Amino acid sequence: MKPGERCHSLGECRKPFAHTGETFDLTDPCAFTLPTAAAAITEVLGCPYRFVGQTVEQAYDTRASFHAP
């Protein structure tokens, strides 16, 4: 995926109803991982985002204060 294409796609997320009822083919030969997504969001929004991998146990622990399942 080219950086300009990724930024364009993420920019479209700011318009939640602009594509109601549409479907899009968003596949690409390169991997788009969660760390890659965080970097792209950071680039588009200008605020730092990061992905922090967790084990299942860590995930439950970090959400416990919110009473999340």
PDB file of N, CA and C in Angstrom:
ATOM      1  N   MET A   1       0.846  -1.168   0.000  1.00  0.00           N
ATOM      2  CA  MET A   1       0.000   0.000   0.000  1.00  0.00           C
ATOM      3  C   MET A   1       0.896   1.237   0.000  1.00  0.00           C
ATOM      4  N   LYS A   2       0.588   2.170  -0.820  1.00  0.00           N
ATOM      5  CA  LYS A   2       1.362   3.406  -0.879  1.00  0.00           C
ATOM      6  C   LYS A   2       0.904   4.338   0.245  1.00  0.00           C
ATOM      7  N   PRO A   3       1.839   5.083   0.859  1.00  0.00           N
ATOM      8  CA  PRO A   3       1.454   5.959   1.975  1.00  0.00           C
ATOM      9  C   PRO A   3       0.297   6.892   1.644  1.00  0.00           C
ATOM     10  N   GLY A   4       0.263   7.457   0.471  1.00  0.00           N
ATOM     11  CA  GLY A   4      -0.839   8.341   0.098  1.00  0.00           C
ATOM     12  C   GLY A   4      -2.172   7.631   0.077  1.00  0.00           C
ATOM     13  N   GLU A   5      -2.175   6.381  -0.373  1.00  0.00           N
ATOM     14  CA  GLU A   5      -3.421   5.608  -0.398  1.00  0.00           C
ATOM     15  C   GLU A   5      -3.896   5.311   1.015  1.00  0.00           C
ATOM     16  N   ARG A   6      -2.955   4.953   1.877  1.00  0.00           N
ATOM     17  CA  ARG A   6      -3.317   4.647   3.262  1.00  0.00           C
ATOM     18  C   ARG A   6      -3.902   5.889   3.923  1.00  0.00           C
ATOM     19  N   CYS A   7      -3.260   7.025   3.739  1.00  0.00           N
ATOM     20  CA  CYS A   7      -3.758   8.259   4.356  1.00  0.00           C
ATOM     21  C   CYS A   7      -5.138   8.615   3.831  1.00  0.00           C
ATOM     22  N   HIS A   8      -5.341   8.441   2.546  1.00  0.00           N
ATOM     23  CA  HIS A   8      -6.646   8.733   1.965  1.00  0.00           C
ATOM     24  C   HIS A   8      -7.706   7.836   2.594  1.00  0.00           C
ATOM     25  N   SER A   9      -7.415   6.541   2.719  1.00  0.00           N
ATOM     26  CA  SER A   9      -8.382   5.603   3.285  1.00  0.00           C
ATOM     27  C   SER A   9      -8.710   5.960   4.721  1.00  0.00           C
ATOM     28  N   LEU A  10      -7.693   6.281   5.519  1.00  0.00           N
ATOM     29  CA  LEU A  10      -7.949   6.640   6.909  1.00  0.00           C
ATOM     30  C   LEU A  10      -8.701   7.958   7.009  1.00  0.00           C
ATOM     31  N   GLY A  11      -8.410   8.889   6.110  1.00  0.00           N
ATOM     32  CA  GLY A  11      -9.126  10.157   6.111  1.00  0.00           C
ATOM     33  C   GLY A  11     -10.616   9.954   5.881  1.00  0.00           C
ATOM     34  N   GLU A  12     -10.961   8.954   5.107  1.00  0.00           N
ATOM     35  CA  GLU A  12     -12.371   8.667   4.841  1.00  0.00           C
ATOM     36  C   GLU A  12     -13.096   8.213   6.102  1.00  0.00           C
ATOM     37  N   CYS A  13     -12.367   7.691   7.081  1.00  0.00           N
ATOM     38  CA  CYS A  13     -12.998   7.261   8.325  1.00  0.00           C
ATOM     39  C   CYS A  13     -13.590   8.433   9.097  1.00  0.00           C
ATOM     40  N   ARG A  14     -13.158   9.628   8.798  1.00  0.00           N
ATOM     41  CA  ARG A  14     -13.702  10.816   9.455  1.00  0.00           C
ATOM     42  C   ARG A  14     -15.087  11.167   8.923  1.00  0.00           C
ATOM     43  N   LYS A  15     -15.525  10.518   7.874  1.00  0.00           N
ATOM     44  CA  LYS A  15     -16.844  10.765   7.277  1.00  0.00           C
ATOM     45  C   LYS A  15     -17.652   9.469   7.385  1.00  0.00           C
ATOM     46  N   PRO A  16     -18.166   9.168   8.566  1.00  0.00           N
ATOM     47  CA  PRO A  16     -18.754   7.847   8.800  1.00  0.00           C
ATOM     48  C   PRO A  16     -19.944   7.480   7.910  1.00  0.00           C
ATOM     49  N   PHE A  17     -20.680   8.455   7.387  1.00  0.00           N
ATOM     50  CA  PHE A  17     -21.857   8.125   6.595  1.00  0.00           C
ATOM     51  C   PHE A  17     -21.682   8.385   5.104  1.00  0.00           C
ATOM     52  N   ALA A  18     -20.505   8.802   4.707  1.00  0.00           N
ATOM     53  CA  ALA A  18     -20.266   9.151   3.308  1.00  0.00           C
ATOM     54  C   ALA A  18     -20.386   7.958   2.371  1.00  0.00           C
ATOM     55  N   HIS A  19     -20.203   6.757   2.894  1.00  0.00           N
ATOM     56  CA  HIS A  19     -20.204   5.567   2.042  1.00  0.00           C
ATOM     57  C   HIS A  19     -21.202   4.516   2.534  1.00  0.00           C
ATOM     58  N   THR A  20     -22.281   4.965   3.151  1.00  0.00           N
ATOM     59  CA  THR A  20     -23.297   4.046   3.654  1.00  0.00           C
ATOM     60  C   THR A  20     -23.804   3.148   2.527  1.00  0.00           C
ATOM     61  N   GLY A  21     -23.820   1.859   2.770  1.00  0.00           N
ATOM     62  CA  GLY A  21     -24.314   0.898   1.793  1.00  0.00           C
ATOM     63  C   GLY A  21     -23.283   0.472   0.765  1.00  0.00           C
ATOM     64  N   GLU A  22     -22.105   1.068   0.775  1.00  0.00           N
ATOM     65  CA  GLU A  22     -21.048   0.729  -0.179  1.00  0.00           C
ATOM     66  C   GLU A  22     -20.168  -0.384   0.387  1.00  0.00           C
ATOM     67  N   THR A  23     -19.555  -1.139  -0.492  1.00  0.00           N
ATOM     68  CA  THR A  23     -18.528  -2.099  -0.100  1.00  0.00           C
ATOM     69  C   THR A  23     -17.284  -1.819  -0.922  1.00  0.00           C
ATOM     70  N   PHE A  24     -16.131  -2.072  -0.322  1.00  0.00           N
ATOM     71  CA  PHE A  24     -14.873  -1.780  -0.980  1.00  0.00           C
ATOM     72  C   PHE A  24     -13.918  -2.956  -0.844  1.00  0.00           C
ATOM     73  N   ASP A  25     -13.136  -3.200  -1.868  1.00  0.00           N
ATOM     74  CA  ASP A  25     -12.107  -4.225  -1.825  1.00  0.00           C
ATOM     75  C   ASP A  25     -10.832  -3.546  -1.339  1.00  0.00           C
ATOM     76  N   LEU A  26     -10.408  -3.846  -0.117  1.00  0.00           N
ATOM     77  CA  LEU A  26      -9.254  -3.181   0.478  1.00  0.00           C
ATOM     78  C   LEU A  26      -8.057  -4.114   0.646  1.00  0.00           C
ATOM     79  N   THR A  27      -8.008  -5.164  -0.120  1.00  0.00           N
ATOM     80  CA  THR A  27      -6.885  -6.091   0.000  1.00  0.00           C
ATOM     81  C   THR A  27      -5.672  -5.541  -0.715  1.00  0.00           C
ATOM     82  N   ASP A  28      -4.509  -6.011  -0.288  1.00  0.00           N
ATOM     83  CA  ASP A  28      -3.258  -5.557  -0.866  1.00  0.00           C
ATOM     84  C   ASP A  28      -2.214  -6.642  -0.624  1.00  0.00           C
ATOM     85  N   PRO A  29      -1.199  -6.720  -1.450  1.00  0.00           N
ATOM     86  CA  PRO A  29      -0.197  -7.764  -1.260  1.00  0.00           C
ATOM     87  C   PRO A  29       0.710  -7.546  -0.047  1.00  0.00           C
ATOM     88  N   CYS A  30       0.709  -6.358   0.549  1.00  0.00           N
ATOM     89  CA  CYS A  30       1.570  -6.142   1.721  1.00  0.00           C
ATOM     90  C   CYS A  30       0.758  -6.299   3.007  1.00  0.00           C
ATOM     91  N   ALA A  31       1.456  -6.650   4.069  1.00  0.00           N
ATOM     92  CA  ALA A  31       0.797  -6.842   5.361  1.00  0.00           C
ATOM     93  C   ALA A  31       0.399  -5.497   5.949  1.00  0.00           C
ATOM     94  N   PHE A  32      -0.746  -5.451   6.571  1.00  0.00           N
ATOM     95  CA  PHE A  32      -1.197  -4.255   7.286  1.00  0.00           C
ATOM     96  C   PHE A  32      -1.473  -4.704   8.712  1.00  0.00           C
ATOM     97  N   THR A  33      -0.472  -4.571   9.559  1.00  0.00           N
ATOM     98  CA  THR A  33      -0.543  -5.049  10.934  1.00  0.00           C
ATOM     99  C   THR A  33      -1.101  -3.967  11.858  1.00  0.00           C
ATOM    100  N   LEU A  34      -1.373  -4.328  13.088  1.00  0.00           N
ATOM    101  CA  LEU A  34      -1.846  -3.338  14.051  1.00  0.00           C
ATOM    102  C   LEU A  34      -0.798  -2.257  14.330  1.00  0.00           C
ATOM    103  N   PRO A  35       0.499  -2.581  14.441  1.00  0.00           N
ATOM    104  CA  PRO A  35       1.492  -1.510  14.565  1.00  0.00           C
ATOM    105  C   PRO A  35       1.519  -0.600  13.329  1.00  0.00           C
ATOM    106  N   THR A  36       1.342  -1.173  12.145  1.00  0.00           N
ATOM    107  CA  THR A  36       1.282  -0.376  10.926  1.00  0.00           C
ATOM    108  C   THR A  36       0.059   0.538  10.955  1.00  0.00           C
ATOM    109  N   ALA A  37      -1.063   0.023  11.417  1.00  0.00           N
ATOM    110  CA  ALA A  37      -2.281   0.827  11.522  1.00  0.00           C
ATOM    111  C   ALA A  37      -2.078   1.991  12.487  1.00  0.00           C
ATOM    112  N   ALA A  38      -1.454   1.733  13.626  1.00  0.00           N
ATOM    113  CA  ALA A  38      -1.200   2.798  14.599  1.00  0.00           C
ATOM    114  C   ALA A  38      -0.305   3.883  13.997  1.00  0.00           C
ATOM    115  N   ALA A  39       0.707   3.479  13.241  1.00  0.00           N
ATOM    116  CA  ALA A  39       1.596   4.452  12.598  1.00  0.00           C
ATOM    117  C   ALA A  39       0.841   5.287  11.566  1.00  0.00           C
ATOM    118  N   ALA A  40      -0.041   4.652  10.820  1.00  0.00           N
ATOM    119  CA  ALA A  40      -0.825   5.372   9.813  1.00  0.00           C
ATOM    120  C   ALA A  40      -1.788   6.351  10.472  1.00  0.00           C
ATOM    121  N   ILE A  41      -2.431   5.947  11.555  1.00  0.00           N
ATOM    122  CA  ILE A  41      -3.349   6.834  12.277  1.00  0.00           C
ATOM    123  C   ILE A  41      -2.588   8.033  12.832  1.00  0.00           C
ATOM    124  N   THR A  42      -1.393   7.778  13.376  1.00  0.00           N
ATOM    125  CA  THR A  42      -0.540   8.861  13.880  1.00  0.00           C
ATOM    126  C   THR A  42      -0.227   9.854  12.773  1.00  0.00           C
ATOM    127  N   GLU A  43       0.107   9.340  11.603  1.00  0.00           N
ATOM    128  CA  GLU A  43       0.453  10.200  10.461  1.00  0.00           C
ATOM    129  C   GLU A  43      -0.730  11.057  10.028  1.00  0.00           C
ATOM    130  N   VAL A  44      -1.892  10.461   9.952  1.00  0.00           N
ATOM    131  CA  VAL A  44      -3.074  11.169   9.453  1.00  0.00           C
ATOM    132  C   VAL A  44      -3.617  12.160  10.475  1.00  0.00           C
ATOM    133  N   LEU A  45      -3.710  11.754  11.719  1.00  0.00           N
ATOM    134  CA  LEU A  45      -4.333  12.605  12.732  1.00  0.00           C
ATOM    135  C   LEU A  45      -3.353  13.555  13.414  1.00  0.00           C
ATOM    136  N   GLY A  46      -2.057  13.255  13.305  1.00  0.00           N
ATOM    137  CA  GLY A  46      -1.057  14.118  13.919  1.00  0.00           C
ATOM    138  C   GLY A  46      -0.936  13.969  15.416  1.00  0.00           C
ATOM    139  N   CYS A  47      -1.549  12.935  15.966  1.00  0.00           N
ATOM    140  CA  CYS A  47      -1.440  12.624  17.395  1.00  0.00           C
ATOM    141  C   CYS A  47      -0.794  11.249  17.512  1.00  0.00           C
ATOM    142  N   PRO A  48       0.042  11.037  18.515  1.00  0.00           N
ATOM    143  CA  PRO A  48       0.718   9.746  18.619  1.00  0.00           C
ATOM    144  C   PRO A  48      -0.219   8.605  19.048  1.00  0.00           C
ATOM    145  N   TYR A  49      -0.192   7.555  18.287  1.00  0.00           N
ATOM    146  CA  TYR A  49      -0.906   6.316  18.602  1.00  0.00           C
ATOM    147  C   TYR A  49       0.094   5.184  18.535  1.00  0.00           C
ATOM    148  N   ARG A  50      -0.122   4.151  19.322  1.00  0.00           N
ATOM    149  CA  ARG A  50       0.759   2.982  19.268  1.00  0.00           C
ATOM    150  C   ARG A  50      -0.051   1.741  19.600  1.00  0.00           C
ATOM    151  N   PHE A  51       0.407   0.636  19.090  1.00  0.00           N
ATOM    152  CA  PHE A  51      -0.199  -0.650  19.406  1.00  0.00           C
ATOM    153  C   PHE A  51       0.688  -1.342  20.425  1.00  0.00           C
ATOM    154  N   VAL A  52       0.085  -1.841  21.492  1.00  0.00           N
ATOM    155  CA  VAL A  52       0.814  -2.578  22.515  1.00  0.00           C
ATOM    156  C   VAL A  52       0.222  -3.975  22.571  1.00  0.00           C
ATOM    157  N   GLY A  53       1.014  -4.946  22.158  1.00  0.00           N
ATOM    158  CA  GLY A  53       0.547  -6.327  22.192  1.00  0.00           C
ATOM    159  C   GLY A  53       0.392  -6.817  23.625  1.00  0.00           C
ATOM    160  N   GLN A  54      -0.602  -7.644  23.858  1.00  0.00           N
ATOM    161  CA  GLN A  54      -0.865  -8.187  25.187  1.00  0.00           C
ATOM    162  C   GLN A  54      -1.223  -9.659  25.094  1.00  0.00           C
ATOM    163  N   THR A  55      -0.913 -10.368  26.156  1.00  0.00           N
ATOM    164  CA  THR A  55      -1.418 -11.734  26.276  1.00  0.00           C
ATOM    165  C   THR A  55      -2.896 -11.627  26.647  1.00  0.00           C
ATOM    166  N   VAL A  56      -3.626 -12.711  26.575  1.00  0.00           N
ATOM    167  CA  VAL A  56      -5.044 -12.696  26.956  1.00  0.00           C
ATOM    168  C   VAL A  56      -5.170 -12.275  28.417  1.00  0.00           C
ATOM    169  N   GLU A  57      -4.316 -12.809  29.271  1.00  0.00           N
ATOM    170  CA  GLU A  57      -4.365 -12.464  30.698  1.00  0.00           C
ATOM    171  C   GLU A  57      -4.107 -10.966  30.909  1.00  0.00           C
ATOM    172  N   GLN A  58      -3.119 -10.420  30.231  1.00  0.00           N
ATOM    173  CA  GLN A  58      -2.828  -8.981  30.336  1.00  0.00           C
ATOM    174  C   GLN A  58      -4.017  -8.152  29.851  1.00  0.00           C
ATOM    175  N   ALA A  59      -4.645  -8.590  28.797  1.00  0.00           N
ATOM    176  CA  ALA A  59      -5.795  -7.861  28.267  1.00  0.00           C
ATOM    177  C   ALA A  59      -6.920  -7.810  29.301  1.00  0.00           C
ATOM    178  N   TYR A  60      -7.223  -8.924  29.925  1.00  0.00           N
ATOM    179  CA  TYR A  60      -8.255  -8.931  30.962  1.00  0.00           C
ATOM    180  C   TYR A  60      -7.858  -8.034  32.130  1.00  0.00           C
ATOM    181  N   ASP A  61      -6.596  -8.079  32.533  1.00  0.00           N
ATOM    182  CA  ASP A  61      -6.132  -7.263  33.655  1.00  0.00           C
ATOM    183  C   ASP A  61      -6.251  -5.769  33.359  1.00  0.00           C
ATOM    184  N   THR A  62      -5.885  -5.351  32.158  1.00  0.00           N
ATOM    185  CA  THR A  62      -5.926  -3.925  31.846  1.00  0.00           C
ATOM    186  C   THR A  62      -7.352  -3.404  31.695  1.00  0.00           C
ATOM    187  N   ARG A  63      -8.297  -4.268  31.468  1.00  0.00           N
ATOM    188  CA  ARG A  63      -9.687  -3.849  31.305  1.00  0.00           C
ATOM    189  C   ARG A  63     -10.515  -4.029  32.565  1.00  0.00           C
ATOM    190  N   ALA A  64      -9.957  -4.641  33.584  1.00  0.00           N
ATOM    191  CA  ALA A  64     -10.701  -4.965  34.796  1.00  0.00           C
ATOM    192  C   ALA A  64     -11.283  -3.726  35.467  1.00  0.00           C
ATOM    193  N   SER A  65     -10.554  -2.614  35.480  1.00  0.00           N
ATOM    194  CA  SER A  65     -11.057  -1.406  36.144  1.00  0.00           C
ATOM    195  C   SER A  65     -12.273  -0.813  35.429  1.00  0.00           C
ATOM    196  N   PHE A  66     -12.495  -1.207  34.188  1.00  0.00           N
ATOM    197  CA  PHE A  66     -13.659  -0.737  33.425  1.00  0.00           C
ATOM    198  C   PHE A  66     -14.816  -1.712  33.504  1.00  0.00           C
ATOM    199  N   HIS A  67     -14.629  -2.801  34.233  1.00  0.00           N
ATOM    200  CA  HIS A  67     -15.630  -3.871  34.359  1.00  0.00           C
ATOM    201  C   HIS A  67     -16.006  -4.441  32.998  1.00  0.00           C
ATOM    202  N   ALA A  68     -15.050  -4.466  32.094  1.00  0.00           N
ATOM    203  CA  ALA A  68     -15.288  -5.019  30.768  1.00  0.00           C
ATOM    204  C   ALA A  68     -15.163  -6.534  30.829  1.00  0.00           C
ATOM    205  N   PRO A  69     -15.884  -7.223  29.969  1.00  0.00           N
ATOM    206  CA  PRO A  69     -15.794  -8.686  29.957  1.00  0.00           C
ATOM    207  C   PRO A  69     -14.450  -9.181  29.456  1.00  0.00           C
TER     208      PRO A  69
END
